C-alpha atoms as a PDB file:
ATOM      1  CA  MET A   1     -41.175 -55.150  33.401  1.00  0.00           C
ATOM      2  CA  THR A   2     -38.597 -57.688  32.259  1.00  0.00           C
ATOM      3  CA  PRO A   3     -37.020 -56.886  28.890  1.00  0.00           C
ATOM      4  CA  ALA A   4     -37.676 -59.494  26.187  1.00  0.00           C
ATOM      5  CA  SER A   5     -33.963 -60.372  25.984  1.00  0.00           C
ATOM      6  CA  ASN A   6     -33.936 -61.420  29.675  1.00  0.00           C
ATOM      7  CA  GLN A   7     -37.193 -63.351  29.443  1.00  0.00           C
ATOM      8  CA  PRO A   8     -36.731 -66.955  30.613  1.00  0.00           C
ATOM      9  CA  VAL A   9     -36.967 -69.852  28.193  1.00  0.00           C
ATOM     10  CA  CYS A  10     -38.886 -73.100  28.741  1.00  0.00           C
ATOM     11  CA  GLY A  11     -36.642 -75.996  29.732  1.00  0.00           C
ATOM     12  CA  VAL A  12     -38.965 -78.459  27.993  1.00  0.00           C
ATOM     13  CA  CYS A  13     -39.661 -77.002  24.541  1.00  0.00           C
ATOM     14  CA  GLY A  14     -37.344 -73.953  24.372  1.00  0.00           C
ATOM     15  CA  THR A  15     -39.994 -71.266  23.799  1.00  0.00           C
ATOM     16  CA  LYS A  16     -40.112 -68.030  25.772  1.00  0.00           C
ATOM     17  CA  LEU A  17     -42.094 -68.044  29.008  1.00  0.00           C
ATOM     18  CA  VAL A  18     -44.726 -65.494  29.995  1.00  0.00           C
ATOM     19  CA  ARG A  19     -45.505 -64.228  33.479  1.00  0.00           C
ATOM     20  CA  ASN A  20     -48.243 -66.145  35.210  1.00  0.00           C
ATOM     21  CA  GLY A  21     -48.796 -64.566  38.631  1.00  0.00           C
ATOM     22  CA  LYS A  22     -46.804 -65.127  41.807  1.00  0.00           C
ATOM     23  CA  THR A  23     -46.115 -68.025  44.141  1.00  0.00           C
ATOM     24  CA  SER A  24     -47.153 -67.939  47.802  1.00  0.00           C
ATOM     25  CA  ALA A  25     -43.551 -66.942  48.584  1.00  0.00           C
ATOM     26  CA  GLY A  26     -43.863 -63.902  46.312  1.00  0.00           C
ATOM     27  CA  ARG A  27     -41.717 -65.131  43.413  1.00  0.00           C
ATOM     28  CA  THR A  28     -42.850 -64.591  39.834  1.00  0.00           C
ATOM     29  CA  ARG A  29     -44.354 -67.701  38.273  1.00  0.00           C
ATOM     30  CA  TRP A  30     -43.607 -68.262  34.580  1.00  0.00           C
ATOM     31  CA  ARG A  31     -45.686 -70.408  32.192  1.00  0.00           C
ATOM     32  CA  CYS A  32     -44.937 -71.785  28.744  1.00  0.00           C
ATOM     33  CA  LYS A  33     -47.843 -71.149  26.335  1.00  0.00           C
ATOM     34  CA  ALA A  34     -46.628 -73.928  24.022  1.00  0.00           C
ATOM     35  CA  CYS A  35     -46.354 -76.877  26.433  1.00  0.00           C
ATOM     36  CA  GLY A  36     -48.037 -75.531  29.591  1.00  0.00           C
ATOM     37  CA  SER A  37     -45.093 -76.133  31.943  1.00  0.00           C
ATOM     38  CA  SER A  38     -44.647 -73.767  34.858  1.00  0.00           C
ATOM     39  CA  ALA A  39     -41.430 -72.546  36.454  1.00  0.00           C
ATOM     40  CA  THR A  40     -40.005 -70.044  38.904  1.00  0.00           C
ATOM     41  CA  GLN A  41     -36.581 -68.490  38.696  1.00  0.00           C
ATOM     42  CA  PHE A  42     -34.238 -67.220  41.353  1.00  0.00           C
ATOM     43  CA  ARG A  43     -30.822 -65.627  41.306  1.00  0.00           C
ATOM     44  CA  THR A  44     -28.199 -67.440  43.312  1.00  0.00           C
ATOM     45  CA  ASP A  45     -26.163 -64.271  43.844  1.00  0.00           C
ATOM     46  CA  VAL A  46     -29.117 -62.415  45.380  1.00  0.00           C
ATOM     47  CA  THR A  47     -29.963 -65.411  47.587  1.00  0.00           C
ATOM     48  CA  ARG A  48     -26.356 -65.767  48.763  1.00  0.00           C
ATOM     49  CA  ARG A  49     -26.106 -62.042  49.527  1.00  0.00           C
ATOM     50  CA  ALA A  50     -29.237 -62.239  51.693  1.00  0.00           C
ATOM     51  CA  GLN A  51     -27.907 -65.353  53.460  1.00  0.00           C
ATOM     52  CA  LEU A  52     -24.537 -63.668  54.108  1.00  0.00           C
ATOM     53  CA  ASN A  53     -26.273 -60.563  55.481  1.00  0.00           C
ATOM     54  CA  ALA A  54     -28.382 -62.749  57.797  1.00  0.00           C
ATOM     55  CA  PHE A  55     -25.245 -64.610  58.928  1.00  0.00           C
ATOM     56  CA  LEU A  56     -23.301 -61.407  59.609  1.00  0.00           C
ATOM     57  CA  GLY A  57     -26.340 -59.925  61.352  1.00  0.00           C
ATOM     58  CA  TRP A  58     -26.429 -62.895  63.705  1.00  0.00           C
ATOM     59  CA  LEU A  59     -22.636 -63.070  64.136  1.00  0.00           C
ATOM     60  CA  LEU A  60     -22.096 -59.383  64.868  1.00  0.00           C
ATOM     61  CA  ASP A  61     -25.343 -58.631  66.694  1.00  0.00           C
ATOM     62  CA  LYS A  62     -26.935 -59.773  69.933  1.00  0.00           C
ATOM     63  CA  ASP A  63     -29.814 -61.657  68.280  1.00  0.00           C
ATOM     64  CA  SER A  64     -30.187 -65.395  68.686  1.00  0.00           C
ATOM     65  CA  GLN A  65     -30.070 -67.648  65.641  1.00  0.00           C
ATOM     66  CA  LYS A  66     -33.850 -67.968  65.835  1.00  0.00           C
ATOM     67  CA  ASP A  67     -34.339 -64.187  65.802  1.00  0.00           C
ATOM     68  CA  ALA A  68     -31.772 -63.551  63.058  1.00  0.00           C
ATOM     69  CA  GLY A  69     -33.066 -66.263  60.726  1.00  0.00           C
ATOM     70  CA  GLY A  70     -36.743 -65.444  60.905  1.00  0.00           C
ATOM     71  CA  GLY A  71     -37.569 -69.080  61.703  1.00  0.00           C
ATOM     72  CA  THR A  72     -35.895 -71.657  63.855  1.00  0.00           C
ATOM     73  CA  GLY A  73     -32.204 -71.551  64.663  1.00  0.00           C
ATOM     74  CA  ARG A  74     -31.872 -74.683  62.563  1.00  0.00           C
ATOM     75  CA  SER A  75     -33.094 -72.919  59.424  1.00  0.00           C
ATOM     76  CA  LEU A  76     -30.479 -70.163  59.823  1.00  0.00           C
ATOM     77  CA  ARG A  77     -27.714 -72.743  60.371  1.00  0.00           C
ATOM     78  CA  PHE A  78     -28.839 -74.688  57.296  1.00  0.00           C
ATOM     79  CA  SER A  79     -29.056 -71.700  54.966  1.00  0.00           C
ATOM     80  CA  THR A  80     -25.844 -70.009  56.135  1.00  0.00           C
ATOM     81  CA  GLY A  81     -23.594 -73.022  56.762  1.00  0.00           C
ATOM     82  CA  TRP A  82     -21.534 -72.153  53.698  1.00  0.00           C
ATOM     83  CA  CYS A  83     -20.592 -68.790  55.293  1.00  0.00           C
ATOM     84  CA  TRP A  84     -18.204 -70.534  57.704  1.00  0.00           C
ATOM     85  CA  HIS A  85     -16.071 -71.591  54.715  1.00  0.00           C
ATOM     86  CA  ILE A  86     -15.433 -68.121  53.310  1.00  0.00           C
ATOM     87  CA  GLU A  87     -11.704 -67.556  53.363  1.00  0.00           C
ATOM     88  CA  ALA A  88     -10.772 -64.006  54.245  1.00  0.00           C
ATOM     89  CA  PRO A  89      -7.755 -62.748  52.309  1.00  0.00           C
ATOM     90  CA  GLN A  90      -4.630 -61.767  54.222  1.00  0.00           C
ATOM     91  CA  PRO A  91      -4.020 -58.014  54.438  1.00  0.00           C
ATOM     92  CA  ASP A  92      -1.586 -56.885  51.755  1.00  0.00           C
ATOM     93  CA  PRO A  93       1.911 -56.421  53.177  1.00  0.00           C
ATOM     94  CA  THR A  94       2.724 -52.727  53.078  1.00  0.00           C
ATOM     95  CA  GLY A  95       6.253 -52.919  54.454  1.00  0.00           C
ATOM     96  CA  GLU A  96       5.263 -50.316  57.053  1.00  0.00           C
ATOM     97  CA  VAL A  97       7.243 -50.570  60.270  1.00  0.00           C
ATOM     98  CA  HIS A  98       4.787 -50.252  63.143  1.00  0.00           C
ATOM     99  CA  ARG A  99       5.786 -48.694  66.450  1.00  0.00           C
ATOM    100  CA  GLN A 100       4.031 -51.500  68.282  1.00  0.00           C
ATOM    101  CA  ILE A 101       2.101 -54.625  67.479  1.00  0.00           C
ATOM    102  CA  ILE A 102      -0.088 -56.660  69.792  1.00  0.00           C
ATOM    103  CA  VAL A 103      -0.057 -60.407  69.203  1.00  0.00           C
ATOM    104  CA  ASP A 104      -2.255 -63.102  70.660  1.00  0.00           C
ATOM    105  CA  GLY A 105      -3.638 -66.500  69.834  1.00  0.00           C
ATOM    106  CA  THR A 106      -7.218 -67.662  70.250  1.00  0.00           C
ATOM    107  CA  TYR A 107      -8.897 -70.986  69.649  1.00  0.00           C
ATOM    108  CA  VAL A 108     -11.839 -71.308  67.279  1.00  0.00           C
ATOM    109  CA  ASN A 109     -13.567 -74.657  66.769  1.00  0.00           C
ATOM    110  CA  GLY A 110     -10.470 -76.696  67.605  1.00  0.00           C
ATOM    111  CA  TRP A 111      -8.059 -74.541  65.587  1.00  0.00           C
ATOM    112  CA  CYS A 112      -5.816 -71.717  66.745  1.00  0.00           C
ATOM    113  CA  VAL A 113      -5.511 -68.378  65.006  1.00  0.00           C
ATOM    114  CA  LEU A 114      -2.552 -66.142  65.824  1.00  0.00           C
ATOM    115  CA  ILE A 115      -3.383 -62.474  65.279  1.00  0.00           C
ATOM    116  CA  ALA A 116      -1.112 -59.424  64.932  1.00  0.00           C
ATOM    117  CA  HIS A 117      -2.785 -56.073  65.546  1.00  0.00           C
ATOM    118  CA  ASN A 118      -1.256 -52.595  65.364  1.00  0.00           C
ATOM    119  CA  GLY A 119      -3.768 -50.980  67.736  1.00  0.00           C
ATOM    120  CA  THR A 120      -6.050 -49.940  64.879  1.00  0.00           C
ATOM    121  CA  HIS A 121      -6.055 -52.728  62.295  1.00  0.00           C
ATOM    122  CA  ILE A 122      -5.268 -56.403  62.034  1.00  0.00           C
ATOM    123  CA  ILE A 123      -2.043 -56.620  60.063  1.00  0.00           C
ATOM    124  CA  GLY A 124      -1.822 -60.394  59.775  1.00  0.00           C
ATOM    125  CA  TRP A 125      -2.937 -63.756  61.091  1.00  0.00           C
ATOM    126  CA  GLN A 126      -1.828 -67.366  60.956  1.00  0.00           C
ATOM    127  CA  TRP A 127      -3.985 -70.479  61.373  1.00  0.00           C
ATOM    128  CA  CYS A 128      -2.379 -73.397  63.183  1.00  0.00           C
ATOM    129  CA  ASP A 129      -3.353 -76.433  65.220  1.00  0.00           C
ATOM    130  CA  LYS A 130      -1.760 -74.971  68.387  1.00  0.00           C
ATOM    131  CA  GLU A 131       0.456 -72.081  69.394  1.00  0.00           C
ATOM    132  CA  SER A 132       4.024 -73.043  68.515  1.00  0.00           C
ATOM    133  CA  LYS A 133       7.268 -71.346  67.645  1.00  0.00           C
ATOM    134  CA  ALA A 134       6.913 -72.397  63.996  1.00  0.00           C
ATOM    135  CA  ALA A 135       3.433 -70.860  63.782  1.00  0.00           C
ATOM    136  CA  TRP A 136       4.607 -67.595  65.364  1.00  0.00           C
ATOM    137  CA  VAL A 137       7.586 -67.445  62.970  1.00  0.00           C
ATOM    138  CA  ALA A 138       5.217 -67.990  60.016  1.00  0.00           C
ATOM    139  CA  LEU A 139       3.187 -64.986  61.195  1.00  0.00           C
ATOM    140  CA  PHE A 140       6.183 -62.768  62.010  1.00  0.00           C
ATOM    141  CA  LYS A 141       8.019 -63.369  58.740  1.00  0.00           C
ATOM    142  CA  ARG A 142       5.289 -61.379  56.921  1.00  0.00           C
ATOM    143  CA  ILE A 143       5.615 -58.379  59.252  1.00  0.00           C
ATOM    144  CA  PRO A 144       8.619 -56.024  59.490  1.00  0.00           C
ATOM    145  CA  ALA A 145       9.993 -55.840  63.033  1.00  0.00           C
ATOM    146  CA  PRO A 146       8.188 -53.176  65.080  1.00  0.00           C
ATOM    147  CA  ASP A 147       9.669 -51.117  67.908  1.00  0.00           C
ATOM    148  CA  VAL A 148       7.731 -53.149  70.527  1.00  0.00           C
ATOM    149  CA  VAL A 149       5.750 -56.411  70.519  1.00  0.00           C
ATOM    150  CA  VAL A 150       3.075 -56.735  73.217  1.00  0.00           C
ATOM    151  CA  THR A 151       2.060 -60.293  74.079  1.00  0.00           C
ATOM    152  CA  ASP A 152       0.502 -62.300  76.866  1.00  0.00           C
ATOM    153  CA  GLY A 153       3.398 -64.732  76.685  1.00  0.00           C
ATOM    154  CA  PRO A 154       3.100 -67.172  73.764  1.00  0.00           C
ATOM    155  CA  PRO A 155       5.095 -70.400  74.048  1.00  0.00           C
ATOM    156  CA  ASP A 156       8.790 -69.857  73.264  1.00  0.00           C
ATOM    157  CA  SER A 157       8.280 -66.108  73.588  1.00  0.00           C
ATOM    158  CA  GLU A 158      11.887 -65.230  72.941  1.00  0.00           C
ATOM    159  CA  GLN A 159      12.515 -62.290  70.696  1.00  0.00           C
ATOM    160  CA  PRO A 160      11.061 -63.202  67.273  1.00  0.00           C
ATOM    161  CA  TRP A 161      13.344 -60.885  65.300  1.00  0.00           C
ATOM    162  CA  THR A 162      17.145 -60.928  65.419  1.00  0.00           C
ATOM    163  CA  SER A 163      19.168 -57.780  66.008  1.00  0.00           C
ATOM    164  CA  SER A 164      19.366 -57.297  62.238  1.00  0.00           C
ATOM    165  CA  GLY A 165      15.562 -57.306  62.086  1.00  0.00           C
ATOM    166  CA  GLU A 166      15.217 -60.730  60.467  1.00  0.00           C
ATOM    167  CA  VAL A 167      12.862 -63.422  61.669  1.00  0.00           C
ATOM    168  CA  PRO A 168      14.831 -66.657  62.086  1.00  0.00           C
ATOM    169  CA  GLY A 169      13.896 -68.962  59.222  1.00  0.00           C
ATOM    170  CA  SER A 170      12.668 -66.141  56.981  1.00  0.00           C
ATOM    171  CA  SER A 171      14.375 -64.499  54.067  1.00  0.00           C
ATOM    172  CA  GLY A 172      14.976 -60.778  53.960  1.00  0.00           C
ATOM    173  CA  VAL A 173      12.507 -59.311  56.486  1.00  0.00           C
ATOM    174  CA  THR A 174      14.456 -56.404  57.929  1.00  0.00           C
ATOM    175  CA  SER A 175      13.807 -53.600  60.361  1.00  0.00           C
ATOM    176  CA  THR A 176      14.808 -52.591  63.871  1.00  0.00           C
ATOM    177  CA  SER A 177      15.035 -55.027  66.768  1.00  0.00           C
ATOM    178  CA  ALA A 178      11.767 -55.508  68.671  1.00  0.00           C
ATOM    179  CA  PRO A 179      11.674 -56.222  72.401  1.00  0.00           C
ATOM    180  CA  LEU A 180       8.818 -58.331  73.745  1.00  0.00           C
ATOM    181  CA  LEU A 181       6.577 -56.957  76.476  1.00  0.00           C
ATOM    182  CA  SER A 182       4.826 -59.849  78.142  1.00  0.00           C
ATOM    183  CA  ALA A 183       2.092 -60.091  80.757  1.00  0.00           C
ATOM    184  CA  THR A 184       3.931 -63.126  82.101  1.00  0.00           C
ATOM    185  CA  PRO A 185       7.465 -62.016  83.008  1.00  0.00           C
ATOM    186  CA  PRO A 186      10.270 -64.606  82.783  1.00  0.00           C
END
């Protein structure tokens, strides 16, 4: 039972509401004894959590949008559209020098994301409009130079770190020199 301190208040006259059954959707219906108005309440945080779980269930599972949303695919897209705008935080730089990193770029909805992976975890990424030397430098300046960089041959795939371990155009990123291993030899 809801404690009296959490009991909703009428938006019309300001008196406390009492429970008055349930809606067809299963929500508690509240009624004001003073003015007779009726209301239902919902918690945005609980709704958003359920929408995010449905979105992730569809994104990471084999179900179609129709199956994951419990209705039409359109209803899932409508209720979870905000999930596409969640910005994932960059991994915290640890300063760890990795033996190898694997880098690649992929295109998502007209944008390119450059990803650096150490074989176990993603250690950084960079959004850009296309793969370019400037975008790769922006990614590499956050990562200490590893022993080896494995790539499928990004544009301008010259060695991203100098012999002193610095990324050209960065300030103070130091480590050992990292040769590039490319699937497309020069």
